[in-house]
Amino acid sequence: MGVSMSSTNAEHISLHPVDQDNWRQVANLKVSETQDDFVAAPCYYLALCHYGKDWQPLAILLGEQVIGFMMWAVDESDGSCWLGGIIIDKGMQNRGYGSQAVQVAINLLHEQHGYTSFALSYQPANLAGKHVYAKLGFMETDEWEDDEIVARLTLAE
């Protein structure tokens, strides 16, 4: 399930299922202190994917190196595809890799599964996340998921 997109350098961002070969690298990801309040530890997300049965885990790779994590699930009530647990390792942040990974995920999930409606949520204080998602076309709604505001994106037909 690897799909890639060119980054600002010669290497590519790609997404791959978390598996026996890369789960340790995913588990070792760390975010900057400014993001600790906005995301959970990667091991929490991996457990949620395994035991919760809804979320599908994806490793974010730059070339051959795991630099991040994200997960996706489908809300059966409206058919929207949710993206969550988006993490880029602190040593690789502020280079556009997170936004590239989200765009690759949208393309992958649209091409392989036909999804056209996407959603994600974030805490209102997460201004960096809000900026990245808005730049990708996500629009805030009046919906809330726990203490996070929901933003949605619908692909043009």
Protein backbone atom coordinates (compact mmCIF):
# COMPACT_ATOMS: atom_id res chain seq x y z
CA MET A 1 0.00 0.00 0.00
CA GLY A 2 2.94 2.35 -0.45
CA VAL A 3 2.16 5.60 -2.23
CA SER A 4 4.69 8.39 -2.47
CA MET A 5 4.85 12.08 -3.23
CA SER A 6 7.86 14.21 -4.02
CA SER A 7 9.14 16.31 -1.17
CA THR A 8 11.25 19.46 -1.34
CA ASN A 9 14.37 17.31 -1.61
CA ALA A 10 15.22 14.25 -3.70
CA GLU A 11 13.52 11.78 -1.34
CA HIS A 12 9.83 10.92 -1.24
CA ILE A 13 7.21 10.75 1.47
CA SER A 14 5.38 7.43 1.38
CA LEU A 15 2.89 5.61 3.58
CA HIS A 16 3.15 1.94 4.50
CA PRO A 17 1.12 -0.24 6.86
CA VAL A 18 2.69 -0.59 10.28
CA ASP A 19 4.03 -4.12 10.42
CA GLN A 20 6.59 -6.38 12.11
CA ASP A 21 9.42 -4.62 10.28
CA ASN A 22 8.64 -1.01 11.22
CA TRP A 23 6.52 -0.93 14.39
CA ARG A 24 9.54 -0.39 16.66
CA GLN A 25 10.59 2.67 14.65
CA VAL A 26 7.03 4.01 14.91
CA ALA A 27 6.96 3.36 18.66
CA ASN A 28 10.20 5.36 19.08
CA LEU A 29 8.87 8.53 17.40
CA LYS A 30 8.97 11.66 19.57
CA VAL A 31 7.30 15.02 19.01
CA SER A 32 8.55 18.40 20.17
CA GLU A 33 7.58 19.58 23.66
CA THR A 34 5.20 22.13 22.13
CA GLN A 35 3.15 19.27 20.65
CA ASP A 36 3.07 16.98 23.70
CA ASP A 37 -0.31 18.43 24.72
CA PHE A 38 -1.84 17.78 21.30
CA VAL A 39 -0.92 14.18 20.46
CA ALA A 40 -0.63 10.91 22.34
CA ALA A 41 2.43 8.69 22.41
CA PRO A 42 2.83 6.46 19.34
CA CYS A 43 2.41 3.32 21.48
CA TYR A 44 -1.04 4.56 22.53
CA TYR A 45 -2.05 4.95 18.88
CA LEU A 46 -0.65 1.54 17.99
CA ALA A 47 -2.65 -0.04 20.83
CA LEU A 48 -5.77 1.85 19.73
CA CYS A 49 -5.35 0.49 16.20
CA HIS A 50 -4.80 -3.06 17.41
CA TYR A 51 -7.42 -3.29 20.14
CA GLY A 52 -9.95 -0.72 18.96
CA LYS A 53 -10.41 -2.44 15.60
CA ASP A 54 -11.52 0.78 13.80
CA TRP A 55 -8.26 2.58 13.06
CA GLN A 56 -5.71 1.42 10.49
CA PRO A 57 -2.06 2.38 11.26
CA LEU A 58 0.33 3.83 8.68
CA ALA A 59 4.04 4.55 8.98
CA ILE A 60 5.21 7.74 7.27
CA LEU A 61 8.53 7.20 5.49
CA LEU A 62 11.01 9.60 3.97
CA GLY A 63 12.91 7.38 1.60
CA GLU A 64 13.54 4.29 3.75
CA GLN A 65 13.40 6.10 7.13
CA VAL A 66 10.28 6.08 9.33
CA ILE A 67 9.71 9.72 10.25
CA GLY A 68 6.09 9.66 11.35
CA PHE A 69 2.80 7.94 11.95
CA MET A 70 -0.86 8.41 11.12
CA MET A 71 -3.98 6.31 11.21
CA TRP A 72 -7.28 6.26 9.37
CA ALA A 73 -10.79 4.95 9.96
CA VAL A 74 -14.20 5.21 8.33
CA ASP A 75 -17.25 6.63 10.10
CA GLU A 76 -19.96 4.23 8.96
CA SER A 77 -22.70 6.75 9.82
CA ASP A 78 -21.70 9.18 7.06
CA GLY A 79 -18.96 7.39 5.07
CA SER A 80 -16.30 9.96 5.90
CA CYS A 81 -12.70 8.84 6.19
CA TRP A 82 -11.04 10.12 9.36
CA LEU A 83 -7.33 10.82 9.68
CA GLY A 84 -5.82 10.84 13.15
CA GLY A 85 -2.77 10.44 15.33
CA ILE A 86 -0.66 12.40 12.85
CA ILE A 87 2.91 12.56 14.17
CA ILE A 88 6.16 13.68 12.58
CA ASP A 89 9.31 12.97 14.59
CA LYS A 90 10.72 16.10 16.24
CA GLY A 91 13.95 15.92 14.25
CA MET A 92 12.02 16.06 10.97
CA GLN A 93 9.42 18.73 11.77
CA ASN A 94 8.94 22.08 10.04
CA ARG A 95 9.92 20.72 6.63
CA GLY A 96 6.43 20.15 5.19
CA TYR A 97 6.48 16.38 5.70
CA GLY A 98 3.29 16.33 7.78
CA SER A 99 1.24 18.14 5.16
CA GLN A 100 2.74 15.96 2.43
CA ALA A 101 1.84 12.83 4.40
CA VAL A 102 -1.77 13.98 4.83
CA GLN A 103 -2.00 14.73 1.09
CA VAL A 104 -0.52 11.32 0.23
CA ALA A 105 -3.05 9.68 2.59
CA ILE A 106 -5.96 11.52 0.97
CA ASN A 107 -4.76 10.49 -2.51
CA LEU A 108 -4.15 6.89 -1.43
CA LEU A 109 -7.50 6.48 0.32
CA HIS A 110 -9.35 8.10 -2.56
CA GLU A 111 -7.62 6.02 -5.25
CA GLN A 112 -7.70 2.67 -3.42
CA HIS A 113 -11.02 2.94 -1.59
CA GLY A 114 -12.95 5.71 -3.36
CA TYR A 115 -13.30 7.99 -0.32
CA THR A 116 -14.15 11.60 -1.16
CA SER A 117 -15.06 12.94 2.28
CA PHE A 118 -12.30 13.34 4.88
CA ALA A 119 -12.34 14.52 8.48
CA LEU A 120 -9.89 15.11 11.29
CA SER A 121 -9.95 16.86 14.64
CA TYR A 122 -7.54 18.96 16.67
CA GLN A 123 -7.48 21.04 19.79
CA PRO A 124 -8.19 24.73 19.13
CA ALA A 125 -4.85 25.67 20.74
CA ASN A 126 -2.98 23.59 18.14
CA LEU A 127 -2.38 26.54 15.83
CA ALA A 128 0.33 24.77 13.81
CA GLY A 129 -2.00 21.85 13.05
CA LYS A 130 -4.88 24.20 12.27
CA HIS A 131 -2.68 26.09 9.79
CA VAL A 132 -1.44 22.91 8.05
CA TYR A 133 -4.92 21.43 7.73
CA ALA A 134 -6.47 24.69 6.48
CA LYS A 135 -3.72 24.97 3.87
CA LEU A 136 -4.68 21.49 2.66
CA GLY A 137 -8.32 22.57 2.30
CA PHE A 138 -9.83 21.30 5.57
CA MET A 139 -12.57 23.61 6.82
CA GLU A 140 -13.52 23.82 10.50
CA THR A 141 -17.09 22.82 11.29
CA ASP A 142 -19.29 23.35 14.32
CA GLU A 143 -18.74 19.69 15.27
CA TRP A 144 -16.61 18.60 18.21
CA GLU A 145 -14.90 15.29 18.97
CA ASP A 146 -14.33 15.37 22.73
CA ASP A 147 -12.29 18.58 23.25
CA GLU A 148 -11.23 18.86 19.60
CA ILE A 149 -12.80 20.80 16.75
CA VAL A 150 -13.64 18.81 13.61
CA ALA A 151 -12.44 19.96 10.20
CA ARG A 152 -13.63 18.39 6.95
CA LEU A 153 -12.51 18.18 3.36
CA THR A 154 -14.60 16.99 0.43
CA LEU A 155 -12.86 16.20 -2.83
CA ALA A 156 -14.32 17.66 -6.01
CA GLU A 157 -16.18 15.14 -8.13
